[in-house]
Amino acid sequence: MSGKVKKYFRNVFVAFDQLFNALTGGDEDETISSRLGKARRNGSRFATVICWVLTHVFFWEKGDHCARSIEEDEGANEIVKF
């Protein structure tokens, strides 16, 4: 795949990710992985389990998916906490 096509699909994936986060009560500009990473850091068992699953789903990435996805500057508009 060309670089532009990869970028296109990544952009669409992130848009769906942010939409799902907003639909579940999260900040409209934050990914679900970032929100889960913050929740796990704050002791959420639910987030811990989901982050473990995501790390294994995205097995080709090195390291902890949720921890690497945390966006510290996003999340102020979160309505529902995990």
Protein backbone atom coordinates (compact mmCIF):
# COMPACT_ATOMS: atom_id res chain seq x y z
CA MET A 1 0.00 0.00 0.00
CA SER A 2 1.19 3.49 -0.73
CA GLY A 3 1.88 5.95 2.06
CA LYS A 4 -1.19 8.03 1.21
CA VAL A 5 -3.51 5.02 1.31
CA LYS A 6 -2.10 3.92 4.69
CA LYS A 7 -2.53 7.45 6.04
CA TYR A 8 -6.12 7.53 4.76
CA PHE A 9 -7.05 4.25 6.50
CA ARG A 10 -5.30 5.33 9.70
CA ASN A 11 -7.24 8.61 9.71
CA VAL A 12 -10.54 6.77 9.19
CA PHE A 13 -9.69 4.27 11.94
CA VAL A 14 -8.87 7.08 14.41
CA ALA A 15 -12.12 8.86 13.48
CA PHE A 16 -14.15 5.72 14.27
CA ASP A 17 -12.12 5.24 17.47
CA GLN A 18 -12.94 8.78 18.62
CA LEU A 19 -16.61 8.36 17.63
CA PHE A 20 -16.88 5.16 19.69
CA ASN A 21 -15.27 6.95 22.63
CA ALA A 22 -17.77 9.83 22.36
CA LEU A 23 -20.71 7.41 22.06
CA THR A 24 -19.63 5.75 25.33
CA GLY A 25 -19.44 9.06 27.20
CA GLY A 26 -15.86 10.04 26.51
CA ASP A 27 -14.27 13.22 25.20
CA GLU A 28 -15.02 13.69 21.51
CA ASP A 29 -11.37 14.27 20.62
CA GLU A 30 -9.83 11.39 22.59
CA THR A 31 -9.36 7.78 21.48
CA ILE A 32 -10.88 4.95 23.47
CA SER A 33 -7.38 3.54 24.06
CA SER A 34 -6.24 6.80 25.65
CA ARG A 35 -9.31 6.89 27.88
CA LEU A 36 -8.81 3.26 28.90
CA GLY A 37 -5.11 3.85 29.59
CA LYS A 38 -5.95 6.72 31.96
CA ALA A 39 -8.68 4.68 33.66
CA ARG A 40 -6.30 1.75 34.18
CA ARG A 41 -3.68 4.12 35.61
CA ASN A 42 -6.37 5.25 38.07
CA GLY A 43 -7.11 1.67 39.17
CA SER A 44 -10.03 0.56 36.96
CA ARG A 45 -10.22 -3.23 36.73
CA PHE A 46 -12.45 -3.00 33.65
CA ALA A 47 -9.87 -0.85 31.87
CA THR A 48 -7.07 -3.21 32.94
CA VAL A 49 -8.79 -6.17 31.27
CA ILE A 50 -9.68 -4.28 28.09
CA CYS A 51 -6.16 -2.85 27.79
CA TRP A 52 -4.72 -6.36 28.10
CA VAL A 53 -6.99 -7.50 25.26
CA LEU A 54 -6.10 -4.50 23.07
CA THR A 55 -2.38 -5.07 23.62
CA HIS A 56 -2.82 -8.61 22.29
CA VAL A 57 -5.09 -7.56 19.41
CA PHE A 58 -2.45 -5.04 18.29
CA PHE A 59 0.31 -7.63 18.76
CA TRP A 60 2.54 -6.13 16.06
CA GLU A 61 2.97 -2.98 18.13
CA LYS A 62 5.71 -3.11 20.72
CA GLY A 63 4.74 -2.49 24.31
CA ASP A 64 1.51 -1.64 26.07
CA HIS A 65 -1.06 -0.31 23.58
CA CYS A 66 -3.13 1.74 26.05
CA ALA A 67 -0.14 3.27 27.83
CA ARG A 68 1.37 4.34 24.51
CA SER A 69 -2.00 5.78 23.39
CA ILE A 70 -2.58 8.12 26.34
CA GLU A 71 -3.22 11.69 25.24
CA GLU A 72 -2.67 13.80 28.35
CA ASP A 73 -4.09 16.93 26.71
CA GLU A 74 -7.44 15.26 25.91
CA GLY A 75 -10.28 14.02 28.08
CA ALA A 76 -11.56 17.19 29.74
CA ASN A 77 -15.02 16.68 28.20
CA GLU A 78 -15.41 13.09 29.44
CA ILE A 79 -18.91 12.46 30.83
CA VAL A 80 -18.72 8.81 31.94
CA LYS A 81 -15.70 7.39 33.81
CA PHE A 82 -14.59 3.77 33.36
